[in-house]
């Protein structure tokens, strides 16, 4: 039933197989077994697009509830045993996955070596799809967008800085105003990326127009463009620490006030979090995890003299 629920949510035999650690053929065999058991087709195979039959929709609703209750049961048993194990599936945008996440995973695995943490590097819209489609347990994003289907846990405020080539005229200044960016060649993110929208809003607030000579889809390519002096950019400071050390990029402060990129952890609102997931979230947010305590056994009453 869990395999069927995963298939219904992902609409993909490949993804359902990966989620359950089986082959695509095994998923097909299990679906065929369910159809024989209930004496009804569950998937409309004549259509090019994946679609459940009426019987399949009924089975999906009950399978989802049964799988969720089973997850609750496993979580309660693990808490009673004070056990942190299992796996955590994480989907993250590239900048967080490459620069923010590694030390947290290292520390977490050091404390919990029996937990398997799987990380997928994705574009922001794909992170939302992964979480809502239940192909991952947690998502790590910037500029979280409210959604009633999601629980958003604020994580940290990531400082944004102006970066340029070390020989760029702005690199010699200890500080510049946003107005000094007027008309300068600018390496921008693609329009659909939340960080781009935030930067555009900031520039518009000062009536500043920059010359966007490139629009790129990730921070790594933005940095490479700035390194060849194709233009300046505004990006999270956490992503340029190595370049600052090697002196391939220069950091310049903005005197109009520092910009921050809000980061967050997201999961489905009805998601049952295992002890391992709770511990991981607590580590990310710098909070002490509330571990389950084994019940104390009362001391026997003294024997009367």
C-alpha atoms as a PDB file:
ATOM      1  CA  UNK A   1       0.000   0.000   0.000  1.00  0.00           C
ATOM      2  CA  UNK A   2       2.911   2.365   0.673  1.00  0.00           C
ATOM      3  CA  UNK A   3       4.358   1.614  -2.765  1.00  0.00           C
ATOM      4  CA  UNK A   4       0.959   2.330  -4.317  1.00  0.00           C
ATOM      5  CA  UNK A   5       0.593   5.596  -2.366  1.00  0.00           C
ATOM      6  CA  UNK A   6       4.082   6.688  -3.472  1.00  0.00           C
ATOM      7  CA  UNK A   7       3.238   5.824  -7.072  1.00  0.00           C
ATOM      8  CA  UNK A   8      -0.015   7.811  -6.905  1.00  0.00           C
ATOM      9  CA  UNK A   9       1.804  10.863  -5.482  1.00  0.00           C
ATOM     10  CA  UNK A  10       4.850  10.823  -7.771  1.00  0.00           C
ATOM     11  CA  UNK A  11       3.019   9.544 -10.863  1.00  0.00           C
ATOM     12  CA  UNK A  12       6.235   7.743 -11.705  1.00  0.00           C
ATOM     13  CA  UNK A  13       7.155   4.051 -11.458  1.00  0.00           C
ATOM     14  CA  UNK A  14      10.832   5.074 -11.396  1.00  0.00           C
ATOM     15  CA  UNK A  15      10.423   7.460  -8.449  1.00  0.00           C
ATOM     16  CA  UNK A  16       8.185   5.040  -6.530  1.00  0.00           C
ATOM     17  CA  UNK A  17      10.820   2.331  -6.994  1.00  0.00           C
ATOM     18  CA  UNK A  18      13.613   4.642  -5.766  1.00  0.00           C
ATOM     19  CA  UNK A  19      11.603   5.692  -2.709  1.00  0.00           C
ATOM     20  CA  UNK A  20      11.093   2.078  -1.676  1.00  0.00           C
ATOM     21  CA  UNK A  21      14.472   0.649  -2.631  1.00  0.00           C
ATOM     22  CA  UNK A  22      13.086  -1.736  -5.243  1.00  0.00           C
ATOM     23  CA  UNK A  23      13.165  -2.078  -9.021  1.00  0.00           C
ATOM     24  CA  UNK A  24      10.623  -0.644 -11.432  1.00  0.00           C
ATOM     25  CA  UNK A  25       9.575  -4.189 -12.251  1.00  0.00           C
ATOM     26  CA  UNK A  26       8.906  -4.875  -8.569  1.00  0.00           C
ATOM     27  CA  UNK A  27       6.607  -1.842  -8.398  1.00  0.00           C
ATOM     28  CA  UNK A  28       4.649  -3.087 -11.416  1.00  0.00           C
ATOM     29  CA  UNK A  29       4.370  -6.540  -9.872  1.00  0.00           C
ATOM     30  CA  UNK A  30       3.078  -5.116  -6.581  1.00  0.00           C
ATOM     31  CA  UNK A  31       0.473  -2.999  -8.383  1.00  0.00           C
ATOM     32  CA  UNK A  32      -0.643  -6.064 -10.353  1.00  0.00           C
ATOM     33  CA  UNK A  33      -0.877  -7.991  -7.087  1.00  0.00           C
ATOM     34  CA  UNK A  34      -3.101  -5.294  -5.564  1.00  0.00           C
ATOM     35  CA  UNK A  35      -5.333  -5.286  -8.625  1.00  0.00           C
ATOM     36  CA  UNK A  36      -5.745  -9.077  -8.395  1.00  0.00           C
ATOM     37  CA  UNK A  37      -6.427  -8.839  -4.675  1.00  0.00           C
ATOM     38  CA  UNK A  38      -9.155  -6.178  -5.021  1.00  0.00           C
ATOM     39  CA  UNK A  39     -10.433  -7.477  -8.375  1.00  0.00           C
ATOM     40  CA  UNK A  40     -10.324  -4.030  -9.989  1.00  0.00           C
ATOM     41  CA  UNK A  41      -7.945  -1.968 -12.180  1.00  0.00           C
ATOM     42  CA  UNK A  42      -6.177   0.779 -10.226  1.00  0.00           C
ATOM     43  CA  UNK A  43      -4.438   2.670 -13.041  1.00  0.00           C
ATOM     44  CA  UNK A  44      -5.867   3.676 -16.420  1.00  0.00           C
ATOM     45  CA  UNK A  45      -3.221   2.136 -18.645  1.00  0.00           C
ATOM     46  CA  UNK A  46      -4.817   3.223 -21.930  1.00  0.00           C
ATOM     47  CA  UNK A  47      -4.014   6.893 -21.277  1.00  0.00           C
ATOM     48  CA  UNK A  48      -0.652   8.479 -22.010  1.00  0.00           C
ATOM     49  CA  UNK A  49      -0.884  10.561 -18.817  1.00  0.00           C
ATOM     50  CA  UNK A  50      -0.770   8.777 -15.449  1.00  0.00           C
ATOM     51  CA  UNK A  51      -4.234   8.581 -13.919  1.00  0.00           C
ATOM     52  CA  UNK A  52      -5.883   6.500 -11.203  1.00  0.00           C
ATOM     53  CA  UNK A  53      -9.181   4.734 -11.756  1.00  0.00           C
ATOM     54  CA  UNK A  54     -12.080   5.386  -9.379  1.00  0.00           C
ATOM     55  CA  UNK A  55     -11.067   2.277  -7.427  1.00  0.00           C
ATOM     56  CA  UNK A  56      -7.458   3.471  -7.462  1.00  0.00           C
ATOM     57  CA  UNK A  57      -8.437   6.821  -5.950  1.00  0.00           C
ATOM     58  CA  UNK A  58     -10.291   5.078  -3.110  1.00  0.00           C
ATOM     59  CA  UNK A  59      -7.332   2.771  -2.450  1.00  0.00           C
ATOM     60  CA  UNK A  60      -4.917   5.712  -2.537  1.00  0.00           C
ATOM     61  CA  UNK A  61      -6.807   7.616   0.183  1.00  0.00           C
ATOM     62  CA  UNK A  62      -6.844   4.599   2.496  1.00  0.00           C
ATOM     63  CA  UNK A  63      -3.277   3.548   1.635  1.00  0.00           C
ATOM     64  CA  UNK A  64      -2.057   7.053   2.474  1.00  0.00           C
ATOM     65  CA  UNK A  65      -3.794   6.954   5.867  1.00  0.00           C
ATOM     66  CA  UNK A  66      -2.483   3.470   6.645  1.00  0.00           C
ATOM     67  CA  UNK A  67       1.080   4.432   5.648  1.00  0.00           C
ATOM     68  CA  UNK A  68       0.913   7.576   7.791  1.00  0.00           C
ATOM     69  CA  UNK A  69      -0.322   5.610  10.788  1.00  0.00           C
ATOM     70  CA  UNK A  70       2.467   3.092  10.270  1.00  0.00           C
ATOM     71  CA  UNK A  71       4.994   5.952  10.248  1.00  0.00           C
ATOM     72  CA  UNK A  72       3.489   7.238  13.503  1.00  0.00           C
ATOM     73  CA  UNK A  73       3.797   3.761  14.996  1.00  0.00           C
ATOM     74  CA  UNK A  74       7.451   3.444  13.946  1.00  0.00           C
ATOM     75  CA  UNK A  75       8.181   6.905  15.339  1.00  0.00           C
ATOM     76  CA  UNK A  76       6.558   6.102  18.694  1.00  0.00           C
ATOM     77  CA  UNK A  77       8.445   2.814  18.974  1.00  0.00           C
ATOM     78  CA  UNK A  78      11.724   4.570  18.138  1.00  0.00           C
ATOM     79  CA  UNK A  79      11.023   7.279  20.734  1.00  0.00           C
ATOM     80  CA  UNK A  80      10.191   4.664  23.365  1.00  0.00           C
ATOM     81  CA  UNK A  81      13.525   2.968  22.633  1.00  0.00           C
ATOM     82  CA  UNK A  82      15.276   6.369  22.563  1.00  0.00           C
ATOM     83  CA  UNK A  83      16.570   5.337  19.120  1.00  0.00           C
ATOM     84  CA  UNK A  84      17.629   7.678  16.302  1.00  0.00           C
ATOM     85  CA  UNK A  85      18.077   5.733  13.068  1.00  0.00           C
ATOM     86  CA  UNK A  86      16.639   5.310   9.594  1.00  0.00           C
ATOM     87  CA  UNK A  87      16.984   7.672   6.643  1.00  0.00           C
ATOM     88  CA  UNK A  88      16.344  11.342   5.902  1.00  0.00           C
ATOM     89  CA  UNK A  89      15.678  12.499   2.347  1.00  0.00           C
ATOM     90  CA  UNK A  90      16.561  16.156   1.767  1.00  0.00           C
ATOM     91  CA  UNK A  91      15.960  18.325  -1.291  1.00  0.00           C
ATOM     92  CA  UNK A  92      17.912  21.593  -1.347  1.00  0.00           C
ATOM     93  CA  UNK A  93      18.710  24.470  -3.648  1.00  0.00           C
ATOM     94  CA  UNK A  94      22.299  24.382  -4.892  1.00  0.00           C
ATOM     95  CA  UNK A  95      23.670  27.301  -2.867  1.00  0.00           C
ATOM     96  CA  UNK A  96      22.486  25.827   0.436  1.00  0.00           C
ATOM     97  CA  UNK A  97      23.463  22.273  -0.468  1.00  0.00           C
ATOM     98  CA  UNK A  98      26.976  23.208  -1.545  1.00  0.00           C
ATOM     99  CA  UNK A  99      27.860  25.863   1.031  1.00  0.00           C
ATOM    100  CA  UNK A 100      25.527  25.828   4.059  1.00  0.00           C
ATOM    101  CA  UNK A 101      24.606  22.181   4.518  1.00  0.00           C
ATOM    102  CA  UNK A 102      27.887  20.149   4.522  1.00  0.00           C
ATOM    103  CA  UNK A 103      29.095  21.025   8.055  1.00  0.00           C
ATOM    104  CA  UNK A 104      25.653  20.259   9.497  1.00  0.00           C
ATOM    105  CA  UNK A 105      25.551  16.846   7.817  1.00  0.00           C
ATOM    106  CA  UNK A 106      29.076  16.100   9.028  1.00  0.00           C
ATOM    107  CA  UNK A 107      28.158  16.942  12.639  1.00  0.00           C
ATOM    108  CA  UNK A 108      24.856  15.070  12.434  1.00  0.00           C
ATOM    109  CA  UNK A 109      26.411  11.871  11.062  1.00  0.00           C
ATOM    110  CA  UNK A 110      29.130  12.059  13.676  1.00  0.00           C
ATOM    111  CA  UNK A 111      26.460  11.996  16.394  1.00  0.00           C
ATOM    112  CA  UNK A 112      24.122   9.600  14.569  1.00  0.00           C
ATOM    113  CA  UNK A 113      26.210   7.235  12.383  1.00  0.00           C
ATOM    114  CA  UNK A 114      23.280   4.843  11.826  1.00  0.00           C
ATOM    115  CA  UNK A 115      21.200   7.501  10.032  1.00  0.00           C
ATOM    116  CA  UNK A 116      21.407   7.696   6.239  1.00  0.00           C
ATOM    117  CA  UNK A 117      21.070  11.264   4.899  1.00  0.00           C
ATOM    118  CA  UNK A 118      20.280  11.485   1.177  1.00  0.00           C
ATOM    119  CA  UNK A 119      20.624  14.915  -0.467  1.00  0.00           C
ATOM    120  CA  UNK A 120      19.155  16.027  -3.808  1.00  0.00           C
ATOM    121  CA  UNK A 121      20.404  19.295  -5.367  1.00  0.00           C
ATOM    122  CA  UNK A 122      17.514  21.017  -7.159  1.00  0.00           C
ATOM    123  CA  UNK A 123      16.083  24.307  -8.425  1.00  0.00           C
ATOM    124  CA  UNK A 124      13.733  25.994  -5.974  1.00  0.00           C
ATOM    125  CA  UNK A 125      10.510  25.041  -7.788  1.00  0.00           C
ATOM    126  CA  UNK A 126      11.671  21.419  -7.844  1.00  0.00           C
ATOM    127  CA  UNK A 127      12.329  21.479  -4.082  1.00  0.00           C
ATOM    128  CA  UNK A 128       8.698  22.466  -3.507  1.00  0.00           C
ATOM    129  CA  UNK A 129       7.552  19.710  -5.891  1.00  0.00           C
ATOM    130  CA  UNK A 130       9.729  17.127  -4.130  1.00  0.00           C
ATOM    131  CA  UNK A 131       8.339  18.009  -0.697  1.00  0.00           C
ATOM    132  CA  UNK A 132       4.695  18.216  -1.774  1.00  0.00           C
ATOM    133  CA  UNK A 133       5.063  15.033  -3.829  1.00  0.00           C
ATOM    134  CA  UNK A 134       6.526  13.232  -0.789  1.00  0.00           C
ATOM    135  CA  UNK A 135       9.623  12.151  -2.713  1.00  0.00           C
ATOM    136  CA  UNK A 136      11.693  13.768   0.070  1.00  0.00           C
ATOM    137  CA  UNK A 137      11.165  14.399   3.782  1.00  0.00           C
ATOM    138  CA  UNK A 138      12.587  17.914   4.095  1.00  0.00           C
ATOM    139  CA  UNK A 139      13.316  20.838   1.803  1.00  0.00           C
ATOM    140  CA  UNK A 140      15.883  23.611   2.266  1.00  0.00           C
ATOM    141  CA  UNK A 141      15.057  26.855   0.475  1.00  0.00           C
ATOM    142  CA  UNK A 142      15.561  30.626   0.460  1.00  0.00           C
ATOM    143  CA  UNK A 143      12.735  33.164   0.591  1.00  0.00           C
ATOM    144  CA  UNK A 144      10.048  30.616   1.597  1.00  0.00           C
ATOM    145  CA  UNK A 145       6.600  31.142   0.094  1.00  0.00           C
ATOM    146  CA  UNK A 146       3.566  30.462   2.350  1.00  0.00           C
ATOM    147  CA  UNK A 147       1.529  27.396   1.398  1.00  0.00           C
ATOM    148  CA  UNK A 148      -1.183  25.793   3.584  1.00  0.00           C
ATOM    149  CA  UNK A 149       0.154  22.379   2.583  1.00  0.00           C
ATOM    150  CA  UNK A 150       3.596  23.179   3.990  1.00  0.00           C
ATOM    151  CA  UNK A 151       5.104  23.799   7.411  1.00  0.00           C
ATOM    152  CA  UNK A 152       7.814  26.463   7.169  1.00  0.00           C
ATOM    153  CA  UNK A 153      10.504  26.514   9.864  1.00  0.00           C
ATOM    154  CA  UNK A 154      12.724  29.648   9.739  1.00  0.00           C
ATOM    155  CA  UNK A 155      16.376  28.639   9.743  1.00  0.00           C
ATOM    156  CA  UNK A 156      18.773  31.590   9.440  1.00  0.00           C
ATOM    157  CA  UNK A 157      19.335  35.011   7.861  1.00  0.00           C
ATOM    158  CA  UNK A 158      22.069  34.715   5.221  1.00  0.00           C
ATOM    159  CA  UNK A 159      23.998  38.007   4.634  1.00  0.00           C
ATOM    160  CA  UNK A 160      24.143  39.201   1.001  1.00  0.00           C
ATOM    161  CA  UNK A 161      27.154  41.163  -0.258  1.00  0.00           C
ATOM    162  CA  UNK A 162      28.326  42.976  -3.350  1.00  0.00           C
ATOM    163  CA  UNK A 163      31.083  41.045  -5.157  1.00  0.00           C
ATOM    164  CA  UNK A 164      33.385  42.118  -7.972  1.00  0.00           C
ATOM    165  CA  UNK A 165      36.734  41.327  -9.561  1.00  0.00           C
ATOM    166  CA  UNK A 166      39.687  42.297  -7.294  1.00  0.00           C
ATOM    167  CA  UNK A 167      40.813  44.869  -9.887  1.00  0.00           C
ATOM    168  CA  UNK A 168      37.340  46.358 -10.363  1.00  0.00           C
ATOM    169  CA  UNK A 169      37.154  50.094  -9.423  1.00  0.00           C
ATOM    170  CA  UNK A 170      34.634  49.341  -6.648  1.00  0.00           C
ATOM    171  CA  UNK A 171      37.024  46.839  -5.015  1.00  0.00           C
ATOM    172  CA  UNK A 172      39.247  49.686  -3.824  1.00  0.00           C
ATOM    173  CA  UNK A 173      36.425  51.247  -1.824  1.00  0.00           C
ATOM    174  CA  UNK A 174      35.724  50.111   1.744  1.00  0.00           C
ATOM    175  CA  UNK A 175      32.033  50.794   1.214  1.00  0.00           C
ATOM    176  CA  UNK A 176      29.692  51.848  -1.595  1.00  0.00           C
ATOM    177  CA  UNK A 177      26.087  52.998  -1.761  1.00  0.00           C
ATOM    178  CA  UNK A 178      23.448  51.188  -3.783  1.00  0.00           C
ATOM    179  CA  UNK A 179      23.158  54.328  -5.922  1.00  0.00           C
ATOM    180  CA  UNK A 180      26.760  53.801  -7.134  1.00  0.00           C
ATOM    181  CA  UNK A 181      25.584  50.644  -8.921  1.00  0.00           C
ATOM    182  CA  UNK A 182      23.585  52.722 -11.384  1.00  0.00           C
ATOM    183  CA  UNK A 183      24.303  51.640 -14.968  1.00  0.00           C
ATOM    184  CA  UNK A 184      27.026  49.156 -14.041  1.00  0.00           C
ATOM    185  CA  UNK A 185      27.359  45.760 -15.708  1.00  0.00           C
ATOM    186  CA  UNK A 186      25.561  43.294 -13.468  1.00  0.00           C
ATOM    187  CA  UNK A 187      25.536  39.489 -13.365  1.00  0.00           C
ATOM    188  CA  UNK A 188      21.979  38.576 -12.396  1.00  0.00           C
ATOM    189  CA  UNK A 189      20.096  35.423 -11.547  1.00  0.00           C
ATOM    190  CA  UNK A 190      17.310  34.274 -13.833  1.00  0.00           C
ATOM    191  CA  UNK A 191      14.004  36.145 -13.295  1.00  0.00           C
ATOM    192  CA  UNK A 192      12.163  33.204 -11.679  1.00  0.00           C
ATOM    193  CA  UNK A 193      14.722  32.761  -8.882  1.00  0.00           C
ATOM    194  CA  UNK A 194      13.583  34.260  -5.524  1.00  0.00           C
ATOM    195  CA  UNK A 195      17.004  35.833  -4.825  1.00  0.00           C
ATOM    196  CA  UNK A 196      16.762  37.707  -8.144  1.00  0.00           C
ATOM    197  CA  UNK A 197      13.343  39.078  -7.209  1.00  0.00           C
ATOM    198  CA  UNK A 198      14.653  40.243  -3.821  1.00  0.00           C
ATOM    199  CA  UNK A 199      17.666  41.983  -5.405  1.00  0.00           C
ATOM    200  CA  UNK A 200      15.464  43.643  -8.042  1.00  0.00           C
ATOM    201  CA  UNK A 201      13.177  44.915  -5.286  1.00  0.00           C
ATOM    202  CA  UNK A 202      16.150  46.350  -3.404  1.00  0.00           C
ATOM    203  CA  UNK A 203      17.519  48.130  -6.476  1.00  0.00           C
ATOM    204  CA  UNK A 204      14.083  49.465  -7.397  1.00  0.00           C
ATOM    205  CA  UNK A 205      13.742  50.865  -3.880  1.00  0.00           C
ATOM    206  CA  UNK A 206      16.686  53.170  -4.660  1.00  0.00           C
ATOM    207  CA  UNK A 207      15.552  53.819  -8.264  1.00  0.00           C
ATOM    208  CA  UNK A 208      18.747  52.127  -9.467  1.00  0.00           C
ATOM    209  CA  UNK A 209      18.940  50.552 -12.926  1.00  0.00           C
ATOM    210  CA  UNK A 210      21.806  48.145 -13.624  1.00  0.00           C
ATOM    211  CA  UNK A 211      22.967  46.740 -16.960  1.00  0.00           C
ATOM    212  CA  UNK A 212      22.151  43.020 -16.697  1.00  0.00           C
ATOM    213  CA  UNK A 213      24.716  41.560 -19.076  1.00  0.00           C
ATOM    214  CA  UNK A 214      24.033  37.960 -17.982  1.00  0.00           C
ATOM    215  CA  UNK A 215      21.170  36.078 -16.347  1.00  0.00           C
ATOM    216  CA  UNK A 216      22.306  32.783 -14.841  1.00  0.00           C
ATOM    217  CA  UNK A 217      20.532  29.998 -12.974  1.00  0.00           C
ATOM    218  CA  UNK A 218      22.912  29.320 -10.066  1.00  0.00           C
ATOM    219  CA  UNK A 219      25.434  31.004  -7.795  1.00  0.00           C
ATOM    220  CA  UNK A 220      28.436  29.008  -9.046  1.00  0.00           C
ATOM    221  CA  UNK A 221      28.097  30.301 -12.610  1.00  0.00           C
ATOM    222  CA  UNK A 222      27.432  33.820 -11.302  1.00  0.00           C
ATOM    223  CA  UNK A 223      30.729  33.686  -9.379  1.00  0.00           C
ATOM    224  CA  UNK A 224      32.647  32.446 -12.417  1.00  0.00           C
ATOM    225  CA  UNK A 225      31.272  35.347 -14.495  1.00  0.00           C
ATOM    226  CA  UNK A 226      32.313  37.883 -11.846  1.00  0.00           C
ATOM    227  CA  UNK A 227      35.784  36.272 -11.639  1.00  0.00           C
ATOM    228  CA  UNK A 228      36.399  37.048 -15.324  1.00  0.00           C
ATOM    229  CA  UNK A 229      35.286  40.649 -14.677  1.00  0.00           C
ATOM    230  CA  UNK A 230      32.143  40.360 -16.798  1.00  0.00           C
ATOM    231  CA  UNK A 231      30.277  42.403 -14.191  1.00  0.00           C
ATOM    232  CA  UNK A 232      29.454  42.788 -10.509  1.00  0.00           C
ATOM    233  CA  UNK A 233      26.794  40.932  -8.529  1.00  0.00           C
ATOM    234  CA  UNK A 234      25.059  40.609  -5.170  1.00  0.00           C
ATOM    235  CA  UNK A 235      25.163  37.097  -3.693  1.00  0.00           C
ATOM    236  CA  UNK A 236      25.189  35.346  -0.280  1.00  0.00           C
ATOM    237  CA  UNK A 237      28.497  35.864   1.519  1.00  0.00           C
ATOM    238  CA  UNK A 238      28.566  32.221   2.668  1.00  0.00           C
ATOM    239  CA  UNK A 239      29.058  31.140  -0.954  1.00  0.00           C
ATOM    240  CA  UNK A 240      32.259  33.136  -1.599  1.00  0.00           C
ATOM    241  CA  UNK A 241      34.476  32.244   1.377  1.00  0.00           C
ATOM    242  CA  UNK A 242      36.872  30.165  -0.726  1.00  0.00           C
ATOM    243  CA  UNK A 243      37.092  32.838  -3.431  1.00  0.00           C
ATOM    244  CA  UNK A 244      37.808  35.521  -0.834  1.00  0.00           C
ATOM    245  CA  UNK A 245      40.592  33.382   0.607  1.00  0.00           C
ATOM    246  CA  UNK A 246      42.087  32.803  -2.844  1.00  0.00           C
ATOM    247  CA  UNK A 247      41.513  36.487  -3.689  1.00  0.00           C
ATOM    248  CA  UNK A 248      39.707  35.682  -6.935  1.00  0.00           C
ATOM    249  CA  UNK A 249      36.733  37.782  -5.783  1.00  0.00           C
ATOM    250  CA  UNK A 250      36.457  40.964  -3.728  1.00  0.00           C
ATOM    251  CA  UNK A 251      33.715  41.762  -1.226  1.00  0.00           C
ATOM    252  CA  UNK A 252      32.380  45.309  -0.838  1.00  0.00           C
ATOM    253  CA  UNK A 253      29.977  46.477   1.860  1.00  0.00           C
ATOM    254  CA  UNK A 254      26.868  48.477   1.008  1.00  0.00           C
ATOM    255  CA  UNK A 255      26.352  51.510   3.227  1.00  0.00           C
ATOM    256  CA  UNK A 256      22.582  51.566   2.668  1.00  0.00           C
ATOM    257  CA  UNK A 257      22.113  48.674   5.038  1.00  0.00           C
ATOM    258  CA  UNK A 258      22.890  44.994   4.825  1.00  0.00           C
ATOM    259  CA  UNK A 259      20.727  42.632   2.809  1.00  0.00           C
ATOM    260  CA  UNK A 260      19.764  39.247   4.175  1.00  0.00           C
ATOM    261  CA  UNK A 261      18.459  36.126   2.461  1.00  0.00           C
ATOM    262  CA  UNK A 262      16.024  34.219   4.732  1.00  0.00           C
ATOM    263  CA  UNK A 263      16.569  30.448   4.705  1.00  0.00           C
ATOM    264  CA  UNK A 264      14.002  27.900   5.861  1.00  0.00           C
ATOM    265  CA  UNK A 265      13.328  24.206   6.341  1.00  0.00           C
ATOM    266  CA  UNK A 266      10.037  22.998   4.880  1.00  0.00           C
ATOM    267  CA  UNK A 267       8.042  19.782   5.122  1.00  0.00           C
ATOM    268  CA  UNK A 268       4.504  18.696   4.381  1.00  0.00           C
ATOM    269  CA  UNK A 269       2.092  19.897   7.053  1.00  0.00           C
ATOM    270  CA  UNK A 270       0.817  16.366   7.686  1.00  0.00           C
ATOM    271  CA  UNK A 271       4.270  14.825   7.540  1.00  0.00           C
ATOM    272  CA  UNK A 272       5.080  12.460  10.389  1.00  0.00           C
ATOM    273  CA  UNK A 273       8.587  13.394  11.516  1.00  0.00           C
ATOM    274  CA  UNK A 274      10.749  10.547  12.787  1.00  0.00           C
ATOM    275  CA  UNK A 275      13.112  11.092  15.732  1.00  0.00           C
ATOM    276  CA  UNK A 276      15.991  11.321  13.221  1.00  0.00           C
ATOM    277  CA  UNK A 277      14.240  14.083  11.260  1.00  0.00           C
ATOM    278  CA  UNK A 278      13.454  16.002  14.457  1.00  0.00           C
ATOM    279  CA  UNK A 279      17.087  15.743  15.557  1.00  0.00           C
ATOM    280  CA  UNK A 280      18.310  16.929  12.142  1.00  0.00           C
ATOM    281  CA  UNK A 281      15.968  19.941  12.118  1.00  0.00           C
ATOM    282  CA  UNK A 282      16.991  20.799  15.688  1.00  0.00           C
ATOM    283  CA  UNK A 283      20.667  20.709  14.674  1.00  0.00           C
ATOM    284  CA  UNK A 284      20.071  22.963  11.663  1.00  0.00           C
ATOM    285  CA  UNK A 285      18.180  25.522  13.740  1.00  0.00           C
ATOM    286  CA  UNK A 286      20.555  25.381  16.681  1.00  0.00           C
ATOM    287  CA  UNK A 287      17.912  24.050  19.029  1.00  0.00           C
ATOM    288  CA  UNK A 288      18.299  21.259  21.586  1.00  0.00           C
ATOM    289  CA  UNK A 289      16.343  18.235  20.384  1.00  0.00           C
ATOM    290  CA  UNK A 290      13.801  16.833  22.773  1.00  0.00           C
ATOM    291  CA  UNK A 291      14.875  13.246  23.051  1.00  0.00           C
ATOM    292  CA  UNK A 292      12.496  10.655  24.392  1.00  0.00           C
ATOM    293  CA  UNK A 293      13.337   9.509  27.869  1.00  0.00           C
ATOM    294  CA  UNK A 294      12.990   5.972  29.037  1.00  0.00           C
ATOM    295  CA  UNK A 295      10.418   5.665  31.819  1.00  0.00           C
ATOM    296  CA  UNK A 296      11.863   5.493  35.298  1.00  0.00           C
ATOM    297  CA  UNK A 297      11.182   2.322  37.237  1.00  0.00           C
ATOM    298  CA  UNK A 298       9.932   3.114  40.699  1.00  0.00           C
ATOM    299  CA  UNK A 299      12.091   1.812  43.533  1.00  0.00           C
ATOM    300  CA  UNK A 300      10.460  -1.003  45.512  1.00  0.00           C
ATOM    301  CA  UNK A 301       8.877   0.030  48.790  1.00  0.00           C
ATOM    302  CA  UNK A 302      10.990  -0.845  51.882  1.00  0.00           C
ATOM    303  CA  UNK A 303      10.054  -4.081  53.557  1.00  0.00           C
ATOM    304  CA  UNK A 304       8.439  -3.501  56.979  1.00  0.00           C
ATOM    305  CA  UNK A 305      10.639  -4.566  59.927  1.00  0.00           C
END
